[in-house]
């Protein structure tokens, strides 16, 4: 709802992700899967964005991802972080030890395996 915004512009999906990028990466390497994403691997982490509500399509190789490049310096003048949020995935059971969902994409974010 544009009337409920704190900022002066409606955030794009990319702006929402860029504004939370540091939090997402820190959560991934320290909480979500430190055994896979922490330590020496953490310097090379990248953030990729899939279309909203596409987890099943991602697993079935039906959607490509968009690489999230940039930082908070790239946010528009009217952007307010109060207009977006981050709801992290929380692993339970075997996911804690084994990690959760994994998909394979090429350097352009396109599925390596056809749907």
C-alpha atoms as a PDB file:
ATOM      1  CA  UNK A   1       0.000   0.000   0.000  1.00  0.00           C
ATOM      2  CA  UNK A   2       1.749   3.152  -1.220  1.00  0.00           C
ATOM      3  CA  UNK A   3      -0.037   5.282   1.375  1.00  0.00           C
ATOM      4  CA  UNK A   4       1.554   3.302   4.229  1.00  0.00           C
ATOM      5  CA  UNK A   5       5.115   3.863   2.971  1.00  0.00           C
ATOM      6  CA  UNK A   6       7.726   5.555   5.122  1.00  0.00           C
ATOM      7  CA  UNK A   7       9.890   6.367   2.096  1.00  0.00           C
ATOM      8  CA  UNK A   8       8.813   8.487  -0.841  1.00  0.00           C
ATOM      9  CA  UNK A   9       8.958   5.673  -3.417  1.00  0.00           C
ATOM     10  CA  UNK A  10       7.721   2.106  -3.629  1.00  0.00           C
ATOM     11  CA  UNK A  11      10.785  -0.171  -3.245  1.00  0.00           C
ATOM     12  CA  UNK A  12      11.644  -2.464  -6.129  1.00  0.00           C
ATOM     13  CA  UNK A  13      12.384  -6.120  -5.416  1.00  0.00           C
ATOM     14  CA  UNK A  14      16.069  -5.443  -6.100  1.00  0.00           C
ATOM     15  CA  UNK A  15      16.115  -2.516  -3.656  1.00  0.00           C
ATOM     16  CA  UNK A  16      14.449  -4.651  -0.984  1.00  0.00           C
ATOM     17  CA  UNK A  17      17.086  -7.362  -1.388  1.00  0.00           C
ATOM     18  CA  UNK A  18      19.993  -4.899  -1.652  1.00  0.00           C
ATOM     19  CA  UNK A  19      18.912  -3.199   1.573  1.00  0.00           C
ATOM     20  CA  UNK A  20      19.005  -6.546   3.386  1.00  0.00           C
ATOM     21  CA  UNK A  21      22.019  -8.040   1.567  1.00  0.00           C
ATOM     22  CA  UNK A  22      24.511  -7.788   4.445  1.00  0.00           C
ATOM     23  CA  UNK A  23      21.975  -9.254   6.893  1.00  0.00           C
ATOM     24  CA  UNK A  24      21.136 -12.128   4.515  1.00  0.00           C
ATOM     25  CA  UNK A  25      24.790 -13.037   3.937  1.00  0.00           C
ATOM     26  CA  UNK A  26      25.687 -12.814   7.629  1.00  0.00           C
ATOM     27  CA  UNK A  27      22.697 -14.971   8.553  1.00  0.00           C
ATOM     28  CA  UNK A  28      23.607 -17.539   5.872  1.00  0.00           C
ATOM     29  CA  UNK A  29      27.215 -17.951   6.983  1.00  0.00           C
ATOM     30  CA  UNK A  30      26.697 -17.743  10.750  1.00  0.00           C
ATOM     31  CA  UNK A  31      23.266 -19.258  11.401  1.00  0.00           C
ATOM     32  CA  UNK A  32      21.704 -21.011   8.430  1.00  0.00           C
ATOM     33  CA  UNK A  33      24.551 -23.216   7.150  1.00  0.00           C
ATOM     34  CA  UNK A  34      27.840 -22.293   8.797  1.00  0.00           C
ATOM     35  CA  UNK A  35      29.264 -25.724   7.852  1.00  0.00           C
ATOM     36  CA  UNK A  36      28.841 -24.880   4.138  1.00  0.00           C
ATOM     37  CA  UNK A  37      28.870 -21.093   3.968  1.00  0.00           C
ATOM     38  CA  UNK A  38      31.106 -19.975   6.838  1.00  0.00           C
ATOM     39  CA  UNK A  39      34.858 -19.830   7.305  1.00  0.00           C
ATOM     40  CA  UNK A  40      36.978 -19.586   4.158  1.00  0.00           C
ATOM     41  CA  UNK A  41      33.901 -19.870   1.910  1.00  0.00           C
ATOM     42  CA  UNK A  42      32.268 -16.733   3.295  1.00  0.00           C
ATOM     43  CA  UNK A  43      34.489 -14.335   1.318  1.00  0.00           C
ATOM     44  CA  UNK A  44      33.100 -15.632  -1.952  1.00  0.00           C
ATOM     45  CA  UNK A  45      29.376 -15.700  -1.175  1.00  0.00           C
ATOM     46  CA  UNK A  46      27.034 -14.251  -3.777  1.00  0.00           C
ATOM     47  CA  UNK A  47      23.389 -13.363  -3.472  1.00  0.00           C
ATOM     48  CA  UNK A  48      20.939 -14.381  -6.192  1.00  0.00           C
ATOM     49  CA  UNK A  49      17.252 -13.532  -6.386  1.00  0.00           C
ATOM     50  CA  UNK A  50      14.465 -15.791  -7.665  1.00  0.00           C
ATOM     51  CA  UNK A  51      10.950 -14.645  -8.548  1.00  0.00           C
ATOM     52  CA  UNK A  52       8.609 -14.431  -5.571  1.00  0.00           C
ATOM     53  CA  UNK A  53       6.857 -17.629  -4.491  1.00  0.00           C
ATOM     54  CA  UNK A  54       8.930 -19.759  -6.880  1.00  0.00           C
ATOM     55  CA  UNK A  55      10.595 -22.313  -4.607  1.00  0.00           C
ATOM     56  CA  UNK A  56       8.968 -25.279  -6.359  1.00  0.00           C
ATOM     57  CA  UNK A  57       9.654 -23.816  -9.817  1.00  0.00           C
ATOM     58  CA  UNK A  58      13.308 -23.271  -8.803  1.00  0.00           C
ATOM     59  CA  UNK A  59      13.641 -26.914  -7.716  1.00  0.00           C
ATOM     60  CA  UNK A  60      12.055 -28.036 -10.991  1.00  0.00           C
ATOM     61  CA  UNK A  61      14.489 -25.831 -12.984  1.00  0.00           C
ATOM     62  CA  UNK A  62      11.675 -23.700 -14.418  1.00  0.00           C
ATOM     63  CA  UNK A  63      13.023 -20.287 -13.372  1.00  0.00           C
ATOM     64  CA  UNK A  64      16.295 -18.421 -13.646  1.00  0.00           C
ATOM     65  CA  UNK A  65      17.860 -16.283 -10.928  1.00  0.00           C
ATOM     66  CA  UNK A  66      19.095 -12.693 -11.002  1.00  0.00           C
ATOM     67  CA  UNK A  67      22.438 -11.876  -9.413  1.00  0.00           C
ATOM     68  CA  UNK A  68      22.206  -9.199  -6.733  1.00  0.00           C
ATOM     69  CA  UNK A  69      25.088  -6.819  -7.325  1.00  0.00           C
ATOM     70  CA  UNK A  70      25.614  -3.570  -5.491  1.00  0.00           C
ATOM     71  CA  UNK A  71      25.108  -2.267  -1.998  1.00  0.00           C
ATOM     72  CA  UNK A  72      23.020   0.192  -0.038  1.00  0.00           C
ATOM     73  CA  UNK A  73      24.810   2.969  -1.963  1.00  0.00           C
ATOM     74  CA  UNK A  74      22.709   1.918  -4.955  1.00  0.00           C
ATOM     75  CA  UNK A  75      19.324   2.497  -3.299  1.00  0.00           C
ATOM     76  CA  UNK A  76      17.115   5.264  -4.673  1.00  0.00           C
ATOM     77  CA  UNK A  77      16.817   8.584  -2.881  1.00  0.00           C
ATOM     78  CA  UNK A  78      13.237   7.877  -1.749  1.00  0.00           C
ATOM     79  CA  UNK A  79      13.956   4.379  -0.414  1.00  0.00           C
ATOM     80  CA  UNK A  80      13.342   3.601   3.263  1.00  0.00           C
ATOM     81  CA  UNK A  81      14.447   0.327   4.833  1.00  0.00           C
ATOM     82  CA  UNK A  82      11.340   0.601   7.033  1.00  0.00           C
ATOM     83  CA  UNK A  83       9.287  -0.323   3.965  1.00  0.00           C
ATOM     84  CA  UNK A  84      10.882  -3.773   3.557  1.00  0.00           C
ATOM     85  CA  UNK A  85      11.761  -6.696   5.796  1.00  0.00           C
ATOM     86  CA  UNK A  86      13.584  -9.988   5.996  1.00  0.00           C
ATOM     87  CA  UNK A  87      11.974 -13.242   7.102  1.00  0.00           C
ATOM     88  CA  UNK A  88      14.795 -15.824   7.208  1.00  0.00           C
ATOM     89  CA  UNK A  89      14.359 -19.518   6.634  1.00  0.00           C
ATOM     90  CA  UNK A  90      14.896 -21.545   9.791  1.00  0.00           C
ATOM     91  CA  UNK A  91      16.136 -25.106   9.524  1.00  0.00           C
ATOM     92  CA  UNK A  92      14.857 -27.876  11.771  1.00  0.00           C
ATOM     93  CA  UNK A  93      15.714 -31.555  12.189  1.00  0.00           C
ATOM     94  CA  UNK A  94      18.089 -33.019   9.595  1.00  0.00           C
ATOM     95  CA  UNK A  95      18.209 -29.689   7.742  1.00  0.00           C
ATOM     96  CA  UNK A  96      20.353 -28.312  10.566  1.00  0.00           C
ATOM     97  CA  UNK A  97      23.053 -30.914   9.903  1.00  0.00           C
ATOM     98  CA  UNK A  98      22.589 -31.506   6.158  1.00  0.00           C
ATOM     99  CA  UNK A  99      21.453 -28.078   5.000  1.00  0.00           C
ATOM    100  CA  UNK A 100      18.296 -27.423   3.058  1.00  0.00           C
ATOM    101  CA  UNK A 101      17.299 -26.798  -0.508  1.00  0.00           C
ATOM    102  CA  UNK A 102      20.054 -26.580  -3.112  1.00  0.00           C
ATOM    103  CA  UNK A 103      19.761 -25.806  -6.811  1.00  0.00           C
ATOM    104  CA  UNK A 104      22.406 -25.548  -9.522  1.00  0.00           C
ATOM    105  CA  UNK A 105      22.610 -22.581 -11.899  1.00  0.00           C
ATOM    106  CA  UNK A 106      25.189 -21.377 -14.410  1.00  0.00           C
ATOM    107  CA  UNK A 107      27.033 -18.028 -14.209  1.00  0.00           C
ATOM    108  CA  UNK A 108      23.970 -16.283 -15.677  1.00  0.00           C
ATOM    109  CA  UNK A 109      21.520 -17.795 -13.158  1.00  0.00           C
ATOM    110  CA  UNK A 110      19.976 -20.156 -15.713  1.00  0.00           C
ATOM    111  CA  UNK A 111      19.213 -23.757 -14.678  1.00  0.00           C
ATOM    112  CA  UNK A 112      22.025 -26.125 -15.651  1.00  0.00           C
ATOM    113  CA  UNK A 113      19.518 -28.942 -16.117  1.00  0.00           C
ATOM    114  CA  UNK A 114      16.450 -28.457 -18.319  1.00  0.00           C
ATOM    115  CA  UNK A 115      13.007 -28.586 -16.696  1.00  0.00           C
END
